[in-house]
PDB file of N, CA and C in Angstrom:
ATOM      1  N   UNK A   1      13.832  23.068  -7.947  1.00  0.00           N
ATOM      2  CA  UNK A   1      15.275  23.064  -8.024  1.00  0.00           C
ATOM      3  C   UNK A   1      15.827  22.354  -6.790  1.00  0.00           C
ATOM      4  N   UNK A   2      16.788  21.495  -7.018  1.00  0.00           N
ATOM      5  CA  UNK A   2      17.350  20.720  -5.924  1.00  0.00           C
ATOM      6  C   UNK A   2      18.781  21.139  -5.652  1.00  0.00           C
ATOM      7  N   UNK A   3      19.195  20.954  -4.408  1.00  0.00           N
ATOM      8  CA  UNK A   3      20.583  21.236  -4.040  1.00  0.00           C
ATOM      9  C   UNK A   3      21.369  19.928  -4.083  1.00  0.00           C
ATOM     10  N   UNK A   4      22.662  20.031  -3.893  1.00  0.00           N
ATOM     11  CA  UNK A   4      23.515  18.841  -3.909  1.00  0.00           C
ATOM     12  C   UNK A   4      23.174  17.900  -2.761  1.00  0.00           C
ATOM     13  N   UNK A   5      22.667  18.432  -1.648  1.00  0.00           N
ATOM     14  CA  UNK A   5      22.321  17.614  -0.485  1.00  0.00           C
ATOM     15  C   UNK A   5      20.934  16.984  -0.605  1.00  0.00           C
ATOM     16  N   UNK A   6      20.155  17.428  -1.573  1.00  0.00           N
ATOM     17  CA  UNK A   6      18.796  16.935  -1.737  1.00  0.00           C
ATOM     18  C   UNK A   6      18.832  15.646  -2.559  1.00  0.00           C
ATOM     19  N   UNK A   7      18.477  14.550  -1.922  1.00  0.00           N
ATOM     20  CA  UNK A   7      18.440  13.255  -2.596  1.00  0.00           C
ATOM     21  C   UNK A   7      17.031  12.688  -2.491  1.00  0.00           C
ATOM     22  N   UNK A   8      16.690  11.721  -3.327  1.00  0.00           N
ATOM     23  CA  UNK A   8      15.358  11.116  -3.212  1.00  0.00           C
ATOM     24  C   UNK A   8      15.102  10.502  -1.833  1.00  0.00           C
ATOM     25  N   UNK A   9      16.112   9.847  -1.267  1.00  0.00           N
ATOM     26  CA  UNK A   9      15.934   9.243   0.054  1.00  0.00           C
ATOM     27  C   UNK A   9      15.719  10.307   1.129  1.00  0.00           C
ATOM     28  N   UNK A  10      16.491  11.386   1.076  1.00  0.00           N
ATOM     29  CA  UNK A  10      16.314  12.475   2.049  1.00  0.00           C
ATOM     30  C   UNK A  10      14.921  13.079   1.925  1.00  0.00           C
ATOM     31  N   UNK A  11      14.467  13.254   0.702  1.00  0.00           N
ATOM     32  CA  UNK A  11      13.128  13.813   0.486  1.00  0.00           C
ATOM     33  C   UNK A  11      12.055  12.843   0.986  1.00  0.00           C
ATOM     34  N   UNK A  12      12.235  11.553   0.726  1.00  0.00           N
ATOM     35  CA  UNK A  12      11.262  10.559   1.190  1.00  0.00           C
ATOM     36  C   UNK A  12      11.175  10.551   2.715  1.00  0.00           C
ATOM     37  N   UNK A  13      12.308  10.632   3.382  1.00  0.00           N
ATOM     38  CA  UNK A  13      12.313  10.652   4.849  1.00  0.00           C
ATOM     39  C   UNK A  13      11.632  11.900   5.397  1.00  0.00           C
ATOM     40  N   UNK A  14      11.855  13.034   4.751  1.00  0.00           N
ATOM     41  CA  UNK A  14      11.203  14.272   5.178  1.00  0.00           C
ATOM     42  C   UNK A  14       9.680  14.163   5.004  1.00  0.00           C
ATOM     43  N   UNK A  15       9.252  13.574   3.902  1.00  0.00           N
ATOM     44  CA  UNK A  15       7.815  13.404   3.658  1.00  0.00           C
ATOM     45  C   UNK A  15       7.219  12.437   4.683  1.00  0.00           C
ATOM     46  N   UNK A  16       7.949  11.379   5.017  1.00  0.00           N
ATOM     47  CA  UNK A  16       7.455  10.440   6.026  1.00  0.00           C
ATOM     48  C   UNK A  16       7.337  11.102   7.396  1.00  0.00           C
ATOM     49  N   UNK A  17       8.217  12.038   7.701  1.00  0.00           N
ATOM     50  CA  UNK A  17       8.074  12.798   8.947  1.00  0.00           C
ATOM     51  C   UNK A  17       6.798  13.625   8.925  1.00  0.00           C
ATOM     52  N   UNK A  18       6.485  14.230   7.792  1.00  0.00           N
ATOM     53  CA  UNK A  18       5.239  14.994   7.669  1.00  0.00           C
ATOM     54  C   UNK A  18       4.023  14.084   7.854  1.00  0.00           C
ATOM     55  N   UNK A  19       4.092  12.885   7.291  1.00  0.00           N
ATOM     56  CA  UNK A  19       3.000  11.929   7.461  1.00  0.00           C
ATOM     57  C   UNK A  19       2.871  11.557   8.940  1.00  0.00           C
ATOM     58  N   UNK A  20       4.002  11.375   9.604  1.00  0.00           N
ATOM     59  CA  UNK A  20       4.008  11.004  11.017  1.00  0.00           C
ATOM     60  C   UNK A  20       3.345  12.029  11.918  1.00  0.00           C
ATOM     61  N   UNK A  21       3.423  13.299  11.541  1.00  0.00           N
ATOM     62  CA  UNK A  21       2.772  14.344  12.346  1.00  0.00           C
ATOM     63  C   UNK A  21       1.443  14.780  11.720  1.00  0.00           C
ATOM     64  N   UNK A  22       0.945  13.952  10.810  1.00  0.00           N
ATOM     65  CA  UNK A  22      -0.370  14.124  10.176  1.00  0.00           C
ATOM     66  C   UNK A  22      -0.508  15.410   9.371  1.00  0.00           C
ATOM     67  N   UNK A  23       0.574  15.831   8.781  1.00  0.00           N
ATOM     68  CA  UNK A  23       0.543  16.979   7.866  1.00  0.00           C
ATOM     69  C   UNK A  23       0.377  16.436   6.444  1.00  0.00           C
ATOM     70  N   UNK A  24      -0.776  15.807   6.212  1.00  0.00           N
ATOM     71  CA  UNK A  24      -0.990  15.074   4.970  1.00  0.00           C
ATOM     72  C   UNK A  24      -0.999  15.962   3.731  1.00  0.00           C
ATOM     73  N   UNK A  25      -1.609  17.127   3.821  1.00  0.00           N
ATOM     74  CA  UNK A  25      -1.649  18.014   2.652  1.00  0.00           C
ATOM     75  C   UNK A  25      -0.251  18.480   2.269  1.00  0.00           C
ATOM     76  N   UNK A  26       0.534  18.851   3.263  1.00  0.00           N
ATOM     77  CA  UNK A  26       1.910  19.280   2.996  1.00  0.00           C
ATOM     78  C   UNK A  26       2.727  18.116   2.448  1.00  0.00           C
ATOM     79  N   UNK A  27       2.517  16.925   3.003  1.00  0.00           N
ATOM     80  CA  UNK A  27       3.229  15.740   2.516  1.00  0.00           C
ATOM     81  C   UNK A  27       2.874  15.465   1.062  1.00  0.00           C
ATOM     82  N   UNK A  28       1.601  15.607   0.707  1.00  0.00           N
ATOM     83  CA  UNK A  28       1.156  15.366  -0.675  1.00  0.00           C
ATOM     84  C   UNK A  28       1.816  16.366  -1.625  1.00  0.00           C
ATOM     85  N   UNK A  29       1.890  17.620  -1.220  1.00  0.00           N
ATOM     86  CA  UNK A  29       2.530  18.653  -2.050  1.00  0.00           C
ATOM     87  C   UNK A  29       4.012  18.350  -2.224  1.00  0.00           C
ATOM     88  N   UNK A  30       4.680  18.008  -1.130  1.00  0.00           N
ATOM     89  CA  UNK A  30       6.109  17.689  -1.199  1.00  0.00           C
ATOM     90  C   UNK A  30       6.367  16.450  -2.058  1.00  0.00           C
ATOM     91  N   UNK A  31       5.486  15.462  -1.956  1.00  0.00           N
ATOM     92  CA  UNK A  31       5.634  14.248  -2.756  1.00  0.00           C
ATOM     93  C   UNK A  31       5.484  14.558  -4.240  1.00  0.00           C
ATOM     94  N   UNK A  32       4.477  15.337  -4.588  1.00  0.00           N
ATOM     95  CA  UNK A  32       4.272  15.697  -5.999  1.00  0.00           C
ATOM     96  C   UNK A  32       5.477  16.457  -6.545  1.00  0.00           C
ATOM     97  N   UNK A  33       6.006  17.351  -5.741  1.00  0.00           N
ATOM     98  CA  UNK A  33       7.183  18.124  -6.144  1.00  0.00           C
ATOM     99  C   UNK A  33       8.396  17.205  -6.352  1.00  0.00           C
ATOM    100  N   UNK A  34       8.596  16.278  -5.424  1.00  0.00           N
ATOM    101  CA  UNK A  34       9.739  15.362  -5.529  1.00  0.00           C
ATOM    102  C   UNK A  34       9.597  14.430  -6.726  1.00  0.00           C
ATOM    103  N   UNK A  35       8.372  13.981  -6.998  1.00  0.00           N
ATOM    104  CA  UNK A  35       8.171  13.065  -8.119  1.00  0.00           C
ATOM    105  C   UNK A  35       8.337  13.745  -9.476  1.00  0.00           C
ATOM    106  N   UNK A  36       8.219  15.066  -9.525  1.00  0.00           N
ATOM    107  CA  UNK A  36       8.510  15.747 -10.793  1.00  0.00           C
ATOM    108  C   UNK A  36      10.004  15.708 -11.082  1.00  0.00           C
ATOM    109  N   UNK A  37      10.818  15.695 -10.029  1.00  0.00           N
ATOM    110  CA  UNK A  37      12.271  15.619 -10.196  1.00  0.00           C
ATOM    111  C   UNK A  37      12.740  14.179 -10.380  1.00  0.00           C
ATOM    112  N   UNK A  38      12.171  13.257  -9.585  1.00  0.00           N
ATOM    113  CA  UNK A  38      12.575  11.846  -9.619  1.00  0.00           C
ATOM    114  C   UNK A  38      11.338  10.963  -9.800  1.00  0.00           C
ATOM    115  N   UNK A  39      10.770  10.884 -10.996  1.00  0.00           N
ATOM    116  CA  UNK A  39       9.505  10.155 -11.185  1.00  0.00           C
ATOM    117  C   UNK A  39       9.601   8.638 -11.011  1.00  0.00           C
ATOM    118  N   UNK A  40      10.782   8.083 -11.162  1.00  0.00           N
ATOM    119  CA  UNK A  40      10.941   6.627 -11.098  1.00  0.00           C
ATOM    120  C   UNK A  40      11.686   6.166  -9.852  1.00  0.00           C
ATOM    121  N   UNK A  41      11.692   6.980  -8.823  1.00  0.00           N
ATOM    122  CA  UNK A  41      12.449   6.673  -7.610  1.00  0.00           C
ATOM    123  C   UNK A  41      11.612   5.804  -6.663  1.00  0.00           C
ATOM    124  N   UNK A  42      12.042   4.557  -6.420  1.00  0.00           N
ATOM    125  CA  UNK A  42      11.255   3.646  -5.587  1.00  0.00           C
ATOM    126  C   UNK A  42      11.006   4.143  -4.162  1.00  0.00           C
ATOM    127  N   UNK A  43      11.970   4.831  -3.556  1.00  0.00           N
ATOM    128  CA  UNK A  43      11.760   5.333  -2.192  1.00  0.00           C
ATOM    129  C   UNK A  43      10.634   6.359  -2.144  1.00  0.00           C
ATOM    130  N   UNK A  44      10.562   7.211  -3.145  1.00  0.00           N
ATOM    131  CA  UNK A  44       9.479   8.198  -3.193  1.00  0.00           C
ATOM    132  C   UNK A  44       8.144   7.532  -3.512  1.00  0.00           C
ATOM    133  N   UNK A  45       8.158   6.568  -4.416  1.00  0.00           N
ATOM    134  CA  UNK A  45       6.921   5.872  -4.758  1.00  0.00           C
ATOM    135  C   UNK A  45       6.384   5.084  -3.565  1.00  0.00           C
ATOM    136  N   UNK A  46       7.264   4.444  -2.812  1.00  0.00           N
ATOM    137  CA  UNK A  46       6.792   3.708  -1.635  1.00  0.00           C
ATOM    138  C   UNK A  46       6.316   4.671  -0.544  1.00  0.00           C
ATOM    139  N   UNK A  47       6.887   5.864  -0.491  1.00  0.00           N
ATOM    140  CA  UNK A  47       6.397   6.884   0.442  1.00  0.00           C
ATOM    141  C   UNK A  47       5.004   7.349   0.031  1.00  0.00           C
ATOM    142  N   UNK A  48       4.767   7.465  -1.271  1.00  0.00           N
ATOM    143  CA  UNK A  48       3.419   7.774  -1.758  1.00  0.00           C
ATOM    144  C   UNK A  48       2.430   6.688  -1.368  1.00  0.00           C
ATOM    145  N   UNK A  49       2.870   5.434  -1.427  1.00  0.00           N
ATOM    146  CA  UNK A  49       2.017   4.319  -1.008  1.00  0.00           C
ATOM    147  C   UNK A  49       1.686   4.432   0.478  1.00  0.00           C
ATOM    148  N   UNK A  50       2.685   4.788   1.270  1.00  0.00           N
ATOM    149  CA  UNK A  50       2.482   4.947   2.714  1.00  0.00           C
ATOM    150  C   UNK A  50       1.497   6.080   3.007  1.00  0.00           C
ATOM    151  N   UNK A  51       1.636   7.184   2.299  1.00  0.00           N
ATOM    152  CA  UNK A  51       0.725   8.314   2.483  1.00  0.00           C
ATOM    153  C   UNK A  51      -0.707   7.909   2.151  1.00  0.00           C
ATOM    154  N   UNK A  52      -0.899   7.265   0.997  1.00  0.00           N
ATOM    155  CA  UNK A  52      -2.252   6.856   0.620  1.00  0.00           C
ATOM    156  C   UNK A  52      -2.812   5.806   1.576  1.00  0.00           C
ATOM    157  N   UNK A  53      -1.973   4.914   2.072  1.00  0.00           N
ATOM    158  CA  UNK A  53      -2.429   3.919   3.042  1.00  0.00           C
ATOM    159  C   UNK A  53      -2.918   4.607   4.314  1.00  0.00           C
ATOM    160  N   UNK A  54      -2.174   5.599   4.800  1.00  0.00           N
ATOM    161  CA  UNK A  54      -2.568   6.324   6.009  1.00  0.00           C
ATOM    162  C   UNK A  54      -3.890   7.057   5.821  1.00  0.00           C
ATOM    163  N   UNK A  55      -4.159   7.498   4.601  1.00  0.00           N
ATOM    164  CA  UNK A  55      -5.386   8.237   4.315  1.00  0.00           C
ATOM    165  C   UNK A  55      -6.553   7.329   3.937  1.00  0.00           C
ATOM    166  N   UNK A  56      -6.288   6.027   3.829  1.00  0.00           N
ATOM    167  CA  UNK A  56      -7.348   5.097   3.452  1.00  0.00           C
ATOM    168  C   UNK A  56      -7.610   5.038   1.963  1.00  0.00           C
ATOM    169  N   UNK A  57      -6.712   5.558   1.162  1.00  0.00           N
ATOM    170  CA  UNK A  57      -6.835   5.507  -0.302  1.00  0.00           C
ATOM    171  C   UNK A  57      -6.110   4.254  -0.788  1.00  0.00           C
ATOM    172  N   UNK A  58      -6.779   3.121  -0.666  1.00  0.00           N
ATOM    173  CA  UNK A  58      -6.114   1.844  -0.910  1.00  0.00           C
ATOM    174  C   UNK A  58      -5.747   1.623  -2.369  1.00  0.00           C
ATOM    175  N   UNK A  59      -6.572   2.089  -3.289  1.00  0.00           N
ATOM    176  CA  UNK A  59      -6.229   1.941  -4.710  1.00  0.00           C
ATOM    177  C   UNK A  59      -4.970   2.741  -5.035  1.00  0.00           C
ATOM    178  N   UNK A  60      -4.870   3.938  -4.497  1.00  0.00           N
ATOM    179  CA  UNK A  60      -3.674   4.754  -4.704  1.00  0.00           C
ATOM    180  C   UNK A  60      -2.452   4.144  -4.049  1.00  0.00           C
ATOM    181  N   UNK A  61      -2.632   3.592  -2.854  1.00  0.00           N
ATOM    182  CA  UNK A  61      -1.518   2.938  -2.160  1.00  0.00           C
ATOM    183  C   UNK A  61      -1.002   1.763  -2.977  1.00  0.00           C
ATOM    184  N   UNK A  62      -1.925   1.001  -3.556  1.00  0.00           N
ATOM    185  CA  UNK A  62      -1.523  -0.143  -4.372  1.00  0.00           C
ATOM    186  C   UNK A  62      -0.799   0.319  -5.634  1.00  0.00           C
ATOM    187  N   UNK A  63      -1.278   1.402  -6.247  1.00  0.00           N
ATOM    188  CA  UNK A  63      -0.630   1.920  -7.455  1.00  0.00           C
ATOM    189  C   UNK A  63       0.808   2.340  -7.155  1.00  0.00           C
ATOM    190  N   UNK A  64       0.992   3.113  -6.107  1.00  0.00           N
ATOM    191  CA  UNK A  64       2.340   3.552  -5.734  1.00  0.00           C
ATOM    192  C   UNK A  64       3.230   2.352  -5.390  1.00  0.00           C
ATOM    193  N   UNK A  65       2.700   1.405  -4.608  1.00  0.00           N
ATOM    194  CA  UNK A  65       3.497   0.242  -4.211  1.00  0.00           C
ATOM    195  C   UNK A  65       3.893  -0.592  -5.426  1.00  0.00           C
ATOM    196  N   UNK A  66       2.945  -0.822  -6.327  1.00  0.00           N
ATOM    197  CA  UNK A  66       3.255  -1.600  -7.534  1.00  0.00           C
ATOM    198  C   UNK A  66       4.336  -0.927  -8.369  1.00  0.00           C
ATOM    199  N   UNK A  67       4.264   0.379  -8.498  1.00  0.00           N
ATOM    200  CA  UNK A  67       5.274   1.094  -9.283  1.00  0.00           C
ATOM    201  C   UNK A  67       6.628   1.108  -8.583  1.00  0.00           C
ATOM    202  N   UNK A  68       6.634   1.225  -7.267  1.00  0.00           N
ATOM    203  CA  UNK A  68       7.905   1.146  -6.536  1.00  0.00           C
ATOM    204  C   UNK A  68       8.541  -0.222  -6.745  1.00  0.00           C
ATOM    205  N   UNK A  69       7.723  -1.268  -6.710  1.00  0.00           N
ATOM    206  CA  UNK A  69       8.240  -2.626  -6.890  1.00  0.00           C
ATOM    207  C   UNK A  69       8.676  -2.891  -8.328  1.00  0.00           C
ATOM    208  N   UNK A  70       8.106  -2.170  -9.255  1.00  0.00           N
ATOM    209  CA  UNK A  70       8.529  -2.312 -10.653  1.00  0.00           C
ATOM    210  C   UNK A  70       9.976  -1.859 -10.819  1.00  0.00           C
ATOM    211  N   UNK A  71      10.362  -0.815 -10.102  1.00  0.00           N
ATOM    212  CA  UNK A  71      11.729  -0.292 -10.188  1.00  0.00           C
ATOM    213  C   UNK A  71      12.675  -0.951  -9.185  1.00  0.00           C
ATOM    214  N   UNK A  72      12.123  -1.433  -8.068  1.00  0.00           N
ATOM    215  CA  UNK A  72      12.939  -2.083  -7.035  1.00  0.00           C
ATOM    216  C   UNK A  72      12.128  -3.218  -6.413  1.00  0.00           C
ATOM    217  N   UNK A  73      12.197  -4.420  -6.993  1.00  0.00           N
ATOM    218  CA  UNK A  73      11.399  -5.541  -6.486  1.00  0.00           C
ATOM    219  C   UNK A  73      11.679  -5.892  -5.027  1.00  0.00           C
ATOM    220  N   UNK A  74      12.798  -5.478  -4.494  1.00  0.00           N
ATOM    221  CA  UNK A  74      13.134  -5.772  -3.108  1.00  0.00           C
ATOM    222  C   UNK A  74      12.748  -4.680  -2.128  1.00  0.00           C
ATOM    223  N   UNK A  75      11.988  -3.683  -2.558  1.00  0.00           N
ATOM    224  CA  UNK A  75      11.604  -2.573  -1.691  1.00  0.00           C
ATOM    225  C   UNK A  75      10.664  -3.079  -0.594  1.00  0.00           C
ATOM    226  N   UNK A  76      11.192  -3.187   0.620  1.00  0.00           N
ATOM    227  CA  UNK A  76      10.440  -3.752   1.732  1.00  0.00           C
ATOM    228  C   UNK A  76       9.206  -2.961   2.112  1.00  0.00           C
ATOM    229  N   UNK A  77       9.298  -1.643   2.099  1.00  0.00           N
ATOM    230  CA  UNK A  77       8.144  -0.826   2.471  1.00  0.00           C
ATOM    231  C   UNK A  77       7.013  -1.036   1.474  1.00  0.00           C
ATOM    232  N   UNK A  78       7.318  -1.045   0.193  1.00  0.00           N
ATOM    233  CA  UNK A  78       6.290  -1.253  -0.833  1.00  0.00           C
ATOM    234  C   UNK A  78       5.681  -2.647  -0.708  1.00  0.00           C
ATOM    235  N   UNK A  79       6.500  -3.650  -0.407  1.00  0.00           N
ATOM    236  CA  UNK A  79       5.983  -5.009  -0.235  1.00  0.00           C
ATOM    237  C   UNK A  79       5.021  -5.082   0.943  1.00  0.00           C
ATOM    238  N   UNK A  80       5.396  -4.475   2.076  1.00  0.00           N
ATOM    239  CA  UNK A  80       4.529  -4.495   3.262  1.00  0.00           C
ATOM    240  C   UNK A  80       3.217  -3.763   3.008  1.00  0.00           C
ATOM    241  N   UNK A  81       3.276  -2.636   2.323  1.00  0.00           N
ATOM    242  CA  UNK A  81       2.059  -1.872   2.048  1.00  0.00           C
ATOM    243  C   UNK A  81       1.160  -2.645   1.099  1.00  0.00           C
ATOM    244  N   UNK A  82       1.742  -3.257   0.094  1.00  0.00           N
ATOM    245  CA  UNK A  82       0.960  -4.044  -0.862  1.00  0.00           C
ATOM    246  C   UNK A  82       0.254  -5.193  -0.143  1.00  0.00           C
ATOM    247  N   UNK A  83       0.964  -5.887   0.726  1.00  0.00           N
ATOM    248  CA  UNK A  83       0.363  -6.979   1.497  1.00  0.00           C
ATOM    249  C   UNK A  83      -0.751  -6.445   2.393  1.00  0.00           C
ATOM    250  N   UNK A  84      -0.527  -5.312   3.032  1.00  0.00           N
ATOM    251  CA  UNK A  84      -1.537  -4.713   3.906  1.00  0.00           C
ATOM    252  C   UNK A  84      -2.814  -4.392   3.136  1.00  0.00           C
ATOM    253  N   UNK A  85      -2.664  -3.815   1.947  1.00  0.00           N
ATOM    254  CA  UNK A  85      -3.840  -3.482   1.133  1.00  0.00           C
ATOM    255  C   UNK A  85      -4.551  -4.753   0.694  1.00  0.00           C
ATOM    256  N   UNK A  86      -3.798  -5.759   0.270  1.00  0.00           N
ATOM    257  CA  UNK A  86      -4.411  -7.014  -0.154  1.00  0.00           C
ATOM    258  C   UNK A  86      -5.153  -7.682   0.995  1.00  0.00           C
ATOM    259  N   UNK A  87      -4.588  -7.663   2.192  1.00  0.00           N
ATOM    260  CA  UNK A  87      -5.265  -8.257   3.344  1.00  0.00           C
ATOM    261  C   UNK A  87      -6.541  -7.509   3.696  1.00  0.00           C
ATOM    262  N   UNK A  88      -6.526  -6.208   3.573  1.00  0.00           N
ATOM    263  CA  UNK A  88      -7.739  -5.431   3.857  1.00  0.00           C
ATOM    264  C   UNK A  88      -8.847  -5.818   2.891  1.00  0.00           C
ATOM    265  N   UNK A  89      -8.497  -5.999   1.629  1.00  0.00           N
ATOM    266  CA  UNK A  89      -9.487  -6.414   0.638  1.00  0.00           C
ATOM    267  C   UNK A  89      -9.959  -7.834   0.869  1.00  0.00           C
ATOM    268  N   UNK A  90      -9.037  -8.729   1.238  1.00  0.00           N
ATOM    269  CA  UNK A  90      -9.385 -10.119   1.471  1.00  0.00           C
ATOM    270  C   UNK A  90     -10.346 -10.247   2.643  1.00  0.00           C
ATOM    271  N   UNK A  91     -10.134  -9.476   3.688  1.00  0.00           N
ATOM    272  CA  UNK A  91     -10.999  -9.544   4.867  1.00  0.00           C
ATOM    273  C   UNK A  91     -12.410  -9.052   4.588  1.00  0.00           C
ATOM    274  N   UNK A  92     -12.602  -8.323   3.498  1.00  0.00           N
ATOM    275  CA  UNK A  92     -13.924  -7.788   3.175  1.00  0.00           C
ATOM    276  C   UNK A  92     -14.658  -8.628   2.136  1.00  0.00           C
ATOM    277  N   UNK A  93     -14.051  -9.733   1.708  1.00  0.00           N
ATOM    278  CA  UNK A  93     -14.677 -10.562   0.685  1.00  0.00           C
ATOM    279  C   UNK A  93     -15.845 -11.335   1.283  1.00  0.00           C
ATOM    280  N   UNK A  94     -17.067 -11.155   0.765  1.00  0.00           N
ATOM    281  CA  UNK A  94     -18.217 -11.850   1.341  1.00  0.00           C
ATOM    282  C   UNK A  94     -18.136 -13.365   1.180  1.00  0.00           C
ATOM    283  N   UNK A  95     -17.511 -13.854   0.114  1.00  0.00           N
ATOM    284  CA  UNK A  95     -17.422 -15.297  -0.100  1.00  0.00           C
ATOM    285  C   UNK A  95     -16.582 -15.967   0.974  1.00  0.00           C
ATOM    286  N   UNK A  96     -15.692 -15.250   1.584  1.00  0.00           N
ATOM    287  CA  UNK A  96     -14.827 -15.828   2.602  1.00  0.00           C
ATOM    288  C   UNK A  96     -15.453 -15.732   3.997  1.00  0.00           C
ATOM    289  N   UNK A  97     -16.548 -15.036   4.121  1.00  0.00           N
ATOM    290  CA  UNK A  97     -17.130 -14.802   5.435  1.00  0.00           C
ATOM    291  C   UNK A  97     -17.689 -16.076   6.058  1.00  0.00           C
ATOM    292  N   UNK A  98     -18.296 -16.946   5.240  1.00  0.00           N
ATOM    293  CA  UNK A  98     -18.933 -18.136   5.791  1.00  0.00           C
ATOM    294  C   UNK A  98     -18.589 -19.332   4.906  1.00  0.00           C
ATOM    295  N   UNK A  99     -17.734 -20.233   5.380  1.00  0.00           N
ATOM    296  CA  UNK A  99     -17.402 -21.405   4.571  1.00  0.00           C
ATOM    297  C   UNK A  99     -18.592 -22.354   4.491  1.00  0.00           C
ATOM    298  N   UNK A 100     -18.693 -23.062   3.400  1.00  0.00           N
ATOM    299  CA  UNK A 100     -19.766 -24.035   3.235  1.00  0.00           C
ATOM    300  C   UNK A 100     -19.357 -25.359   3.862  1.00  0.00           C
ATOM    301  N   UNK A 101     -20.342 -26.047   4.406  1.00  0.00           N
ATOM    302  CA  UNK A 101     -20.086 -27.346   5.013  1.00  0.00           C
ATOM    303  C   UNK A 101     -20.440 -28.494   4.083  1.00  0.00           C
ATOM    304  N   UNK A 102     -21.014 -28.218   2.947  1.00  0.00           N
ATOM    305  CA  UNK A 102     -21.400 -29.288   2.033  1.00  0.00           C
ATOM    306  C   UNK A 102     -20.744 -29.086   0.685  1.00  0.00           C
ATOM    307  N   UNK A 103     -20.628 -30.189  -0.017  1.00  0.00           N
ATOM    308  CA  UNK A 103     -20.101 -30.154  -1.372  1.00  0.00           C
ATOM    309  C   UNK A 103     -20.946 -31.100  -2.204  1.00  0.00           C
ATOM    310  N   UNK A 104     -21.610 -30.587  -3.192  1.00  0.00           N
ATOM    311  CA  UNK A 104     -22.483 -31.381  -4.074  1.00  0.00           C
ATOM    312  C   UNK A 104     -23.502 -32.198  -3.279  1.00  0.00           C
ATOM    313  N   UNK A 105     -24.065 -31.608  -2.246  1.00  0.00           N
ATOM    314  CA  UNK A 105     -25.089 -32.281  -1.464  1.00  0.00           C
ATOM    315  C   UNK A 105     -24.551 -33.235  -0.411  1.00  0.00           C
ATOM    316  N   UNK A 106     -23.247 -33.433  -0.354  1.00  0.00           N
ATOM    317  CA  UNK A 106     -22.649 -34.341   0.622  1.00  0.00           C
ATOM    318  C   UNK A 106     -22.084 -33.530   1.785  1.00  0.00           C
ATOM    319  N   UNK A 107     -22.193 -34.103   2.955  1.00  0.00           N
ATOM    320  CA  UNK A 107     -21.676 -33.441   4.139  1.00  0.00           C
ATOM    321  C   UNK A 107     -20.221 -33.826   4.345  1.00  0.00           C
ATOM    322  N   UNK A 108     -19.406 -32.853   4.679  1.00  0.00           N
ATOM    323  CA  UNK A 108     -18.021 -33.171   5.035  1.00  0.00           C
ATOM    324  C   UNK A 108     -18.011 -33.893   6.374  1.00  0.00           C
ATOM    325  N   UNK A 109     -17.037 -34.720   6.582  1.00  0.00           N
ATOM    326  CA  UNK A 109     -16.918 -35.473   7.829  1.00  0.00           C
ATOM    327  C   UNK A 109     -16.826 -34.495   9.000  1.00  0.00           C
ATOM    328  N   UNK A 110     -17.650 -34.740   9.995  1.00  0.00           N
ATOM    329  CA  UNK A 110     -17.613 -33.924  11.199  1.00  0.00           C
ATOM    330  C   UNK A 110     -18.467 -32.667  11.121  1.00  0.00           C
ATOM    331  N   UNK A 111     -19.154 -32.454  10.015  1.00  0.00           N
ATOM    332  CA  UNK A 111     -19.995 -31.264   9.859  1.00  0.00           C
ATOM    333  C   UNK A 111     -21.418 -31.692   9.542  1.00  0.00           C
ATOM    334  N   UNK A 112     -22.356 -30.933  10.027  1.00  0.00           N
ATOM    335  CA  UNK A 112     -23.751 -31.157   9.686  1.00  0.00           C
ATOM    336  C   UNK A 112     -24.112 -30.276   8.505  1.00  0.00           C
ATOM    337  N   UNK A 113     -24.924 -30.781   7.640  1.00  0.00           N
ATOM    338  CA  UNK A 113     -25.378 -29.993   6.496  1.00  0.00           C
ATOM    339  C   UNK A 113     -26.264 -28.868   7.002  1.00  0.00           C
ATOM    340  N   UNK A 114     -26.101 -27.688   6.407  1.00  0.00           N
ATOM    341  CA  UNK A 114     -26.933 -26.544   6.787  1.00  0.00           C
ATOM    342  C   UNK A 114     -27.983 -26.338   5.720  1.00  0.00           C
ATOM    343  N   UNK A 115     -29.107 -25.796   6.122  1.00  0.00           N
ATOM    344  CA  UNK A 115     -30.175 -25.550   5.149  1.00  0.00           C
ATOM    345  C   UNK A 115     -30.297 -24.101   4.857  1.00  0.00           C
TER     346      UNK A 115
END
């Protein structure tokens, strides 16, 4: 049950304070409770993304961020979290770890072919 002063933004800010003091379990409970009242609220969804990002749950962070952006494409927090998750994945890609110096047996200018 919500009061007249209880808004999605106020709830999101309160949850972010809990995340800031590392009360993750309490933040998760409060987030679930708020999302039952406002399931499509971008501020709450982006707060869920922030919580999952802090906990290292990158798939969950991406899910929350994508859903926040579905309702509010200009949501800056969701955009930043989505970029952060994508960069973390990009940095772990083995194909990007070592660029090749040859193409079809030919050496690029200024590079020696590696064996």
